[in-house]
Each structure stands twice: as structure tokens, then as C-alpha cells.
Amino acid sequence: MTNQNSSYPILCASFNQDYSCFAVGTKLGFKIFDAETLRLCYQKDIGAFGIVEMRFSSSLLAIVGAGEQPALSPRRLCLFNTTTGAPLQELNFLTSVLAIRLNKLRLIVLLQDKVFIYDINSLAILSVLDTVPNPKGLSAFSHILDACFLALPASTTKGSMLVYDVMELQSLCEAITKKGKGKLNKITFLSAIDAHLSPLAAMVFSSNGTYLATASEQGTMVRVHTVPEGTKCFSFRRGAYPSTIFSLSFGSFVQLPEFLAAISSSGSLHLFILGAASNQRGKNSSSFIGGMIPSSILDPAHHHVLHNAVVEGVKSYAVIRKVEKISDASGSGTFCFRATVSVVTYDGYFREYIFNINHKNESSWTLEREYNLLTAISDITTRS
């Protein structure tokens, strides 16, 4: 996530693909932390950075300057090696780089009205997409190779989106492929998935690429669509009054319920429970993992909120790092579920909350850790 308000000490924050590490960019440089231990693994103080993206736990970073120093142009993407502390390759663009997405095979660069898709090993351009104006670089990316999808806004006036298969280089919506110059493929989209009446503000894929969650600029509703069908399957009411949703995050684990987190400008952290499996849709159950009502607003019992999780109005980025099934302490033989939600706030803090819920839908929140990211000092200059 890139910070549009330079008054914050943190300019950007991002977790790697398995949530084992996270990075923050500041006006001085960037830092990389171990999410489990909060150890500062790497630090580089060479100027302001607006984008820092990791590729899993490797030494490869994709970084973009914030434009506060001439050498750190927002139009220049640098692939950086933290082991050697040196750039590997630089890519220059005509306009500012707004977002970067990457996995083991693809590098995706988002500009205001174009998306470049590269082979990450050769840096050959595989495709160029012309998009609607997207000044915030809004997108969602499913990094797994067998469901490697990229979702983009399809309109500036309503909440519609396009989904693109980054490995097959084709739209999941109806599309026409045109030959561009050389070997590039220009894609013209003909249809889109309608999610909201207002323009999109946040979007995210589930870990296996089967769900796509979205929120609009109104921020009152969070909706979930299946992929690749594009069918709306869940709707959650976040609140009655408009609020800016800063981030959405799925916590999706095998044979456990699907959790979806949202953090908003009101300072509240919301957790929605989708259900245990798609074959439960249509059942009316009072259990907290039952009752999945297609294309309708789920019962409030599926919505759990922690007020004042962060300071109201401070931009924040939240992810569900873990979901675990644990035995009920009462000895009844039933199980509870525990979700670990990590939050990076752009005023310089890391907070981690533990959410517990039992089979009676009784839930609790606990602040497990709080840490000042700006005062952290590294005793290690490289990471493997």
C-alpha cells in the first residue's frame, strides 16, 4: 500500500506473499521485518521510497522512489538484491509507477492507465494492458501459479472490475486480442464484473484465488465474488455510515473457515466469517460457520468488530496472518478458532490482535503485541 499523504512517517507498507515478512518505506529509506519475531532483518537508508515489494522470503525486492530525491524517481523501478546491497536491474517508465505485484514468474507494473506484465527472470514484456485511469494503482493479485489472477478497476464512475489471467495472458471476461507492435499483445476488454454502484476503493483475492472481495468508496458494504465465474456469493454490511476502507485481507486455510478482515478510517477492525466450505451455501444454520446465504447480506452474527483498533483517520494496512483450530478450554471436546491479525499503521506502529471465537459464536479480541517500527535498529544488514 502506497501512502498518498506524505505527512505520515511511513510512506508505504507491504507483506510478502506468505505473510512471513513485511516491509515499510519511509522518508529515510526502507526496512524489512520478520513478522513472527519483529526482528529488523534489513535496513537501507538512502532516501524516500514509495513502493517496496518482496518476492516471498528471497533477497529480491522491487522498489520505487518517492520522488523526494532526484536519484529516486517515481518513474524508475529498481530490482534490488538485499544480499549484495546493490541494484540488479532498472526499468524506466514515462509516468509514475503506482503499484507493483510479483510472484516467482511474473512482475506486474501498474501506471495510471497502463499495466505492464513481465517475465520476472528475463524481464521480457509479455503483455501491455490499457486501463481506465487508475491514479491510486488499485489492484488485487493472486500470486499462486495455477490461479494467477490480476483484478483491475473497469470504470471511474462505478465499482466494476476486470479479471486477467497473468499466466495465460488473457482476460477471464470476454475479450478481443489484437496484435500490437513486435510480440506484444494488446487486450481490449468487452465486459466486466459489477460489484458496487460507487468506484472501488479496495480489493483482494483469497489465498487460493477462488474469491475476490471488494469495497467501494462508500465503504458501507463488502462484497465477495467467486473466480473465475464472477458470481456474487457474499455481502457484508460494514456499517451504516460511509468510511474509507484502507485494506482487505483473506485468511484462508485448508479445512478451516474463511475469514475476511477490513480496516477503515473509523479506526475499527472488522472480521467477517464466510463459512467452512462452498457446499454449505443455502443452509440456514445458527452455527458461526454455517448459514452461507448467496447474493444476500449475511446475518450480523458473521460480523465481528473491534473498535479503536487504530487511531481514527490514520491510514493502516491489516492482514490475517494465521487461522488456527484449537481445543475449547472448557474440556467439552469442541473447538475454537483463532485468527492472528497484524496491522501496520502509517504513523509508525505494528499491532497484532488475536481474535477467538467458539462454537456458540462467542468472540473476544486481545492486543497481543505493539511495536514502534520507526525506532527499530538492525544489527543485520542482509537477509537470505
Protein backbone atom coordinates (compact mmCIF):
# COMPACT_ATOMS: atom_id res chain seq x y z
CA MET A 1 0.00 0.00 0.00
CA THR A 2 1.34 3.40 -1.01
CA ASN A 3 0.72 6.43 1.17
CA GLN A 4 -0.72 9.43 -0.66
CA ASN A 5 -0.36 11.65 2.44
CA SER A 6 3.33 12.50 2.95
CA SER A 7 2.62 13.82 6.47
CA TYR A 8 2.83 10.23 7.74
CA PRO A 9 6.31 8.94 8.63
CA ILE A 10 5.60 5.69 6.75
CA LEU A 11 5.11 6.13 3.00
CA CYS A 12 4.27 2.50 2.12
CA ALA A 13 3.75 -0.89 3.75
CA SER A 14 3.54 -4.40 2.32
CA PHE A 15 3.67 -8.02 3.44
CA ASN A 16 5.32 -10.72 1.36
CA GLN A 17 3.21 -13.45 -0.24
CA ASP A 18 3.16 -15.83 2.74
CA TYR A 19 2.96 -13.05 5.37
CA SER A 20 6.24 -14.15 6.96
CA CYS A 21 7.86 -10.71 6.45
CA PHE A 22 6.75 -7.15 5.90
CA ALA A 23 8.41 -4.00 4.59
CA VAL A 24 7.89 -0.31 5.23
CA GLY A 25 9.17 2.63 3.23
CA THR A 26 9.98 5.93 4.96
CA LYS A 27 11.47 9.26 4.00
CA LEU A 28 14.88 7.92 5.03
CA GLY A 29 14.78 4.54 3.28
CA PHE A 30 13.13 1.17 3.81
CA LYS A 31 13.05 -1.57 6.45
CA ILE A 32 12.17 -5.27 6.33
CA PHE A 33 10.89 -7.09 9.42
CA ASP A 34 10.27 -10.71 10.34
CA ALA A 35 6.51 -10.79 11.04
CA GLU A 36 6.78 -13.55 13.65
CA THR A 37 9.64 -12.18 15.76
CA LEU A 38 9.52 -8.50 14.67
CA ARG A 39 13.27 -8.66 14.16
CA LEU A 40 14.52 -5.94 11.81
CA CYS A 41 16.10 -8.06 9.07
CA TYR A 42 17.28 -5.38 6.67
CA GLN A 43 17.55 -1.62 6.51
CA LYS A 44 18.66 0.73 3.73
CA ASP A 45 18.78 4.48 4.39
CA ILE A 46 19.32 6.11 1.00
CA GLY A 47 16.23 8.29 0.63
CA ALA A 48 12.44 8.19 0.44
CA PHE A 49 10.67 5.13 -1.03
CA GLY A 50 7.03 4.98 -2.06
CA ILE A 51 6.93 1.26 -3.03
CA VAL A 52 8.77 -1.72 -1.53
CA GLU A 53 7.59 -5.18 -2.61
CA MET A 54 9.13 -8.54 -1.68
CA ARG A 55 9.17 -11.84 -3.54
CA PHE A 56 8.40 -14.33 -0.77
CA SER A 57 11.43 -14.53 1.60
CA SER A 58 14.08 -14.22 -1.09
CA SER A 59 16.66 -11.46 -1.39
CA LEU A 60 14.81 -9.88 -4.34
CA LEU A 61 12.95 -6.60 -3.84
CA ALA A 62 11.11 -4.34 -6.27
CA ILE A 63 11.46 -0.74 -5.08
CA VAL A 64 10.38 2.67 -6.37
CA GLY A 65 11.46 6.05 -5.03
CA ALA A 66 9.00 8.61 -3.69
CA GLY A 67 10.49 11.41 -5.80
CA GLU A 68 11.91 13.43 -2.92
CA GLN A 69 15.47 12.88 -4.19
CA PRO A 70 16.49 13.20 -7.88
CA ALA A 71 18.07 9.73 -7.88
CA LEU A 72 14.85 8.12 -6.58
CA SER A 73 12.38 8.97 -9.31
CA PRO A 74 8.83 7.55 -9.01
CA ARG A 75 9.15 6.67 -12.73
CA ARG A 76 12.04 4.27 -12.10
CA LEU A 77 11.59 0.70 -10.82
CA CYS A 78 14.65 -0.96 -9.34
CA LEU A 79 15.06 -4.67 -8.74
CA PHE A 80 17.27 -4.79 -5.66
CA ASN A 81 19.31 -7.59 -4.07
CA THR A 82 19.43 -7.37 -0.28
CA THR A 83 22.29 -9.88 -0.08
CA THR A 84 24.68 -7.75 -2.11
CA GLY A 85 23.01 -4.44 -1.29
CA ALA A 86 23.11 -3.48 -4.96
CA PRO A 87 20.60 -2.94 -7.79
CA LEU A 88 20.11 -5.83 -10.23
CA GLN A 89 18.14 -4.06 -12.94
CA GLU A 90 16.29 -0.80 -13.51
CA LEU A 91 13.16 -0.17 -15.58
CA ASN A 92 12.14 3.36 -16.56
CA PHE A 93 8.61 4.49 -17.45
CA LEU A 94 7.06 7.63 -18.90
CA THR A 95 4.80 8.16 -15.87
CA SER A 96 4.95 7.30 -12.18
CA VAL A 97 4.83 3.68 -11.05
CA LEU A 98 1.78 3.40 -8.77
CA ALA A 99 1.95 -0.24 -7.70
CA ILE A 100 3.95 -3.43 -8.22
CA ARG A 101 2.84 -7.05 -7.95
CA LEU A 102 5.14 -10.05 -8.30
CA ASN A 103 5.50 -13.77 -7.74
CA LYS A 104 8.04 -16.40 -8.82
CA LEU A 105 7.37 -15.92 -12.55
CA ARG A 106 5.69 -12.57 -13.11
CA LEU A 107 6.42 -8.90 -12.46
CA ILE A 108 3.44 -6.56 -12.86
CA VAL A 109 3.86 -2.80 -13.02
CA LEU A 110 0.82 -0.52 -12.70
CA LEU A 111 0.83 3.00 -14.11
CA GLN A 112 -2.14 5.37 -14.16
CA ASP A 113 -3.62 3.99 -17.40
CA LYS A 114 -1.40 1.03 -18.33
CA VAL A 115 -0.27 -2.27 -16.87
CA PHE A 116 2.97 -3.95 -17.93
CA ILE A 117 3.38 -7.70 -17.42
CA TYR A 118 6.95 -9.03 -17.43
CA ASP A 119 8.62 -12.40 -17.22
CA ILE A 120 10.45 -11.78 -13.96
CA ASN A 121 13.50 -13.84 -14.93
CA SER A 122 14.22 -12.38 -18.38
CA LEU A 123 12.32 -9.08 -17.86
CA ALA A 124 10.78 -9.58 -21.30
CA ILE A 125 7.47 -7.74 -21.70
CA LEU A 126 4.72 -10.32 -22.13
CA SER A 127 1.70 -8.03 -22.36
CA VAL A 128 0.62 -4.40 -22.05
CA LEU A 129 -2.91 -3.60 -20.87
CA ASP A 130 -4.63 -0.28 -21.48
CA THR A 131 -6.80 0.50 -18.45
CA VAL A 132 -9.19 3.16 -17.25
CA PRO A 133 -7.50 5.95 -15.26
CA ASN A 134 -6.36 4.34 -12.00
CA PRO A 135 -4.49 7.09 -10.09
CA LYS A 136 -4.19 5.03 -6.89
CA GLY A 137 -2.83 1.94 -8.63
CA LEU A 138 -5.70 -0.11 -7.22
CA SER A 139 -5.50 -3.84 -7.98
CA ALA A 140 -5.73 -7.33 -6.49
CA PHE A 141 -3.25 -10.09 -7.28
CA SER A 142 -3.45 -13.84 -6.67
CA HIS A 143 0.17 -14.93 -6.74
CA ILE A 144 -0.24 -18.73 -6.94
CA LEU A 145 0.73 -20.09 -10.35
CA ASP A 146 -2.36 -22.24 -11.04
CA ALA A 147 -4.75 -19.34 -10.30
CA CYS A 148 -2.58 -16.33 -11.03
CA PHE A 149 -5.17 -13.58 -11.46
CA LEU A 150 -4.97 -9.80 -11.60
CA ALA A 151 -8.10 -7.72 -10.89
CA LEU A 152 -8.32 -4.10 -12.03
CA PRO A 153 -10.97 -1.36 -11.90
CA ALA A 154 -13.05 -1.23 -15.10
CA SER A 155 -14.71 2.14 -14.52
CA THR A 156 -14.05 5.51 -12.88
CA THR A 157 -17.73 6.08 -12.09
CA LYS A 158 -18.89 2.72 -10.69
CA GLY A 159 -17.47 -0.30 -8.91
CA SER A 160 -16.85 -2.67 -11.78
CA MET A 161 -13.70 -4.74 -12.31
CA LEU A 162 -11.84 -6.87 -14.82
CA VAL A 163 -10.01 -10.09 -14.02
CA TYR A 164 -6.97 -11.09 -16.05
CA ASP A 165 -5.10 -14.41 -16.07
CA VAL A 166 -1.46 -13.37 -15.77
CA MET A 167 -0.03 -16.77 -16.72
CA GLU A 168 -2.24 -17.37 -19.76
CA LEU A 169 -2.23 -13.64 -20.65
CA GLN A 170 -5.95 -13.44 -21.25
CA SER A 171 -9.00 -11.91 -19.65
CA LEU A 172 -11.43 -14.04 -17.69
CA CYS A 173 -14.12 -11.77 -19.12
CA GLU A 174 -14.94 -11.72 -22.81
CA ALA A 175 -12.00 -10.20 -24.70
CA ILE A 176 -10.56 -9.47 -28.13
CA THR A 177 -6.85 -9.98 -28.68
CA LYS A 178 -5.08 -7.64 -31.06
CA LYS A 179 -1.52 -7.83 -32.30
CA GLY A 180 0.50 -4.86 -31.20
CA LYS A 181 4.00 -3.89 -32.19
CA GLY A 182 6.52 -6.71 -32.11
CA LYS A 183 5.38 -9.58 -29.92
CA LEU A 184 3.22 -7.59 -27.52
CA ASN A 185 -0.44 -8.40 -27.03
CA LYS A 186 -2.90 -5.55 -26.67
CA ILE A 187 -6.05 -6.60 -24.84
CA THR A 188 -9.39 -4.81 -25.26
CA PHE A 189 -11.96 -5.86 -22.63
CA LEU A 190 -15.65 -6.07 -23.57
CA SER A 191 -17.27 -6.99 -20.25
CA ALA A 192 -16.68 -6.61 -16.53
CA ILE A 193 -17.87 -7.78 -13.12
CA ASP A 194 -20.19 -5.27 -11.45
CA ALA A 195 -19.62 -5.18 -7.69
CA HIS A 196 -20.70 -1.74 -6.40
CA LEU A 197 -22.51 1.40 -7.53
CA SER A 198 -19.63 3.63 -6.38
CA PRO A 199 -15.99 3.38 -7.60
CA LEU A 200 -13.80 0.75 -5.98
CA ALA A 201 -11.56 1.59 -3.02
CA ALA A 202 -10.15 -1.83 -2.01
CA MET A 203 -9.93 -5.34 -3.47
CA VAL A 204 -8.18 -8.60 -2.59
CA PHE A 205 -8.07 -12.25 -3.69
CA SER A 206 -8.28 -15.19 -1.30
CA SER A 207 -5.08 -17.20 -0.97
CA ASN A 208 -6.20 -19.84 -3.48
CA GLY A 209 -7.64 -17.34 -5.96
CA THR A 210 -11.23 -18.60 -5.67
CA TYR A 211 -12.71 -15.49 -4.03
CA LEU A 212 -12.38 -11.79 -4.85
CA ALA A 213 -13.50 -9.32 -2.16
CA THR A 214 -14.20 -5.65 -2.90
CA ALA A 215 -15.25 -2.44 -1.18
CA SER A 216 -16.34 0.84 -2.76
CA GLU A 217 -15.52 4.43 -1.85
CA GLN A 218 -18.68 4.47 0.28
CA GLY A 219 -17.26 1.68 2.42
CA THR A 220 -20.60 0.53 3.81
CA MET A 221 -20.63 -2.86 2.05
CA VAL A 222 -18.01 -5.54 1.44
CA ARG A 223 -18.86 -7.99 -1.32
CA VAL A 224 -17.27 -11.29 -2.32
CA HIS A 225 -17.35 -12.84 -5.81
CA THR A 226 -16.27 -16.26 -6.97
CA VAL A 227 -13.47 -16.57 -9.51
CA PRO A 228 -13.45 -17.24 -12.40
CA GLU A 229 -17.28 -17.23 -12.64
CA GLY A 230 -17.61 -13.70 -11.28
CA THR A 231 -20.72 -14.65 -9.26
CA LYS A 232 -21.55 -12.60 -6.17
CA CYS A 233 -21.76 -15.03 -3.26
CA PHE A 234 -21.48 -12.93 -0.08
CA SER A 235 -22.37 -9.41 1.02
CA PHE A 236 -21.40 -7.95 4.38
CA ARG A 237 -22.57 -4.65 5.84
CA ARG A 238 -19.56 -2.96 7.44
CA GLY A 239 -21.61 -0.08 8.82
CA ALA A 240 -24.38 2.38 8.11
CA TYR A 241 -22.16 5.44 7.61
CA PRO A 242 -19.52 5.92 4.89
CA SER A 243 -15.93 5.15 5.82
CA THR A 244 -12.77 4.66 3.78
CA ILE A 245 -11.67 1.02 3.80
CA PHE A 246 -7.88 1.07 3.71
CA SER A 247 -7.33 -2.66 3.16
CA LEU A 248 -8.99 -6.05 2.85
CA SER A 249 -7.35 -9.38 3.68
CA PHE A 250 -8.41 -13.02 3.49
CA GLY A 251 -7.33 -15.66 5.99
CA SER A 252 -7.95 -18.85 4.06
CA PHE A 253 -6.61 -22.16 5.30
CA VAL A 254 -7.36 -25.78 4.38
CA GLN A 255 -10.37 -27.26 6.20
CA LEU A 256 -10.86 -24.08 8.26
CA PRO A 257 -13.43 -21.30 7.92
CA GLU A 258 -12.72 -18.43 5.53
CA PHE A 259 -12.06 -15.16 7.36
CA LEU A 260 -12.04 -11.71 5.75
CA ALA A 261 -10.61 -8.64 7.52
CA ALA A 262 -11.24 -4.98 6.74
CA ILE A 263 -9.74 -1.92 8.41
CA SER A 264 -11.26 1.51 7.90
CA SER A 265 -10.72 5.21 8.56
CA SER A 266 -13.07 4.97 11.55
CA GLY A 267 -10.27 3.12 13.37
CA SER A 268 -12.29 -0.11 13.51
CA LEU A 269 -11.07 -3.57 12.54
CA HIS A 270 -13.78 -5.79 11.05
CA LEU A 271 -13.70 -9.58 10.72
CA PHE A 272 -16.23 -11.40 8.55
CA ILE A 273 -16.66 -15.18 8.51
CA LEU A 274 -17.61 -16.61 5.13
CA GLY A 275 -18.08 -20.24 6.14
CA ALA A 276 -16.34 -23.59 6.14
CA ALA A 277 -16.99 -24.79 2.57
CA SER A 278 -18.86 -23.74 -0.55
CA ASN A 279 -21.23 -26.71 -0.34
CA GLN A 280 -22.81 -25.13 2.76
CA ARG A 281 -24.41 -22.37 0.72
CA GLY A 282 -28.12 -22.07 1.15
CA LYS A 283 -28.22 -23.82 4.52
CA ASN A 284 -29.80 -21.94 7.41
CA SER A 285 -27.62 -22.70 10.39
CA SER A 286 -27.16 -20.91 13.69
CA SER A 287 -23.55 -22.07 13.99
CA PHE A 288 -20.92 -19.48 13.26
CA ILE A 289 -19.61 -21.37 10.21
CA GLY A 290 -22.99 -22.22 8.78
CA GLY A 291 -25.64 -20.17 7.05
CA MET A 292 -23.99 -19.02 3.83
CA ILE A 293 -26.68 -17.04 2.04
CA PRO A 294 -25.87 -16.49 -1.64
CA SER A 295 -26.10 -12.95 -3.02
CA SER A 296 -27.61 -11.54 0.16
CA ILE A 297 -26.43 -9.79 3.29
CA LEU A 298 -25.20 -12.31 5.83
CA ASP A 299 -26.51 -12.29 9.37
CA PRO A 300 -24.68 -9.89 11.75
CA ALA A 301 -23.50 -12.96 13.66
CA HIS A 302 -20.94 -13.40 10.89
CA HIS A 303 -19.54 -9.91 11.51
CA HIS A 304 -17.20 -9.15 14.43
CA VAL A 305 -15.75 -5.69 15.01
CA LEU A 306 -13.01 -4.26 17.21
CA HIS A 307 -13.50 -0.53 17.72
CA ASN A 308 -10.48 1.75 18.24
CA ALA A 309 -8.08 -0.85 16.91
CA VAL A 310 -6.04 2.02 15.47
CA VAL A 311 -6.20 5.79 15.71
CA GLU A 312 -9.17 7.14 13.76
CA GLY A 313 -8.18 8.57 10.38
CA VAL A 314 -4.66 7.10 10.35
CA LYS A 315 -4.04 5.01 7.25
CA SER A 316 -3.48 1.35 8.16
CA TYR A 317 -2.81 -1.97 6.48
CA ALA A 318 -4.16 -5.18 8.04
CA VAL A 319 -3.59 -8.84 7.11
CA ILE A 320 -4.80 -12.12 8.60
CA ARG A 321 -1.51 -13.94 9.11
CA LYS A 322 -2.88 -17.12 10.71
CA VAL A 323 -6.09 -19.03 11.33
CA GLU A 324 -5.90 -21.94 13.75
CA LYS A 325 -8.28 -24.50 15.22
CA ILE A 326 -7.75 -25.06 18.95
CA SER A 327 -9.45 -27.17 21.61
CA ASP A 328 -12.02 -25.43 23.80
CA ALA A 329 -10.56 -24.74 27.23
CA SER A 330 -13.79 -25.95 28.89
CA GLY A 331 -12.93 -29.55 28.05
CA SER A 332 -16.21 -30.02 26.21
CA GLY A 333 -14.50 -31.60 23.23
CA THR A 334 -15.49 -28.75 20.93
CA PHE A 335 -13.12 -26.50 19.04
CA CYS A 336 -12.50 -22.79 18.86
CA PHE A 337 -10.92 -20.82 16.06
CA ARG A 338 -8.17 -18.26 16.48
CA ALA A 339 -7.17 -15.63 13.93
CA THR A 340 -4.00 -13.56 14.14
CA VAL A 341 -4.46 -10.13 12.56
CA SER A 342 -1.37 -7.95 12.03
CA VAL A 343 -1.76 -4.22 11.43
CA VAL A 344 0.83 -1.71 10.19
CA THR A 345 -0.19 1.89 10.83
CA TYR A 346 1.31 4.71 8.80
CA ASP A 347 2.07 6.69 11.94
CA GLY A 348 4.78 4.09 12.59
CA TYR A 349 3.35 1.20 14.62
CA PHE A 350 2.84 -2.55 14.29
CA ARG A 351 -0.06 -4.00 16.24
CA GLU A 352 -1.14 -7.64 16.39
CA TYR A 353 -4.57 -8.73 17.57
CA ILE A 354 -5.75 -12.23 18.45
CA PHE A 355 -9.39 -12.98 17.65
CA ASN A 356 -11.00 -16.03 19.30
CA ILE A 357 -14.44 -17.47 18.57
CA ASN A 358 -16.13 -20.64 19.83
CA HIS A 359 -18.96 -22.83 18.55
CA LYS A 360 -21.50 -20.62 20.36
CA ASN A 361 -20.34 -17.59 18.35
CA GLU A 362 -18.83 -16.06 21.49
CA SER A 363 -15.83 -13.99 20.48
CA SER A 364 -13.05 -11.92 22.01
CA TRP A 365 -10.21 -9.65 20.87
CA THR A 366 -6.81 -9.32 22.53
CA LEU A 367 -3.97 -6.94 21.72
CA GLU A 368 -1.05 -9.37 21.63
CA ARG A 369 1.81 -7.07 20.56
CA GLU A 370 2.54 -3.42 19.84
CA TYR A 371 5.83 -2.20 18.39
CA ASN A 372 7.32 1.10 17.23
CA LEU A 373 8.68 0.47 13.72
CA LEU A 374 10.48 3.79 13.47
CA THR A 375 12.80 3.22 16.43
CA ALA A 376 13.82 -0.33 15.44
CA ILE A 377 17.58 -0.77 14.99
CA SER A 378 19.04 -3.51 12.81
CA ASP A 379 22.13 -5.48 13.72
CA ILE A 380 21.97 -7.36 10.41
CA THR A 381 22.38 -5.73 7.01
CA THR A 382 21.41 -8.63 4.76
CA ARG A 383 18.91 -11.43 4.68
CA SER A 384 18.86 -14.66 2.72
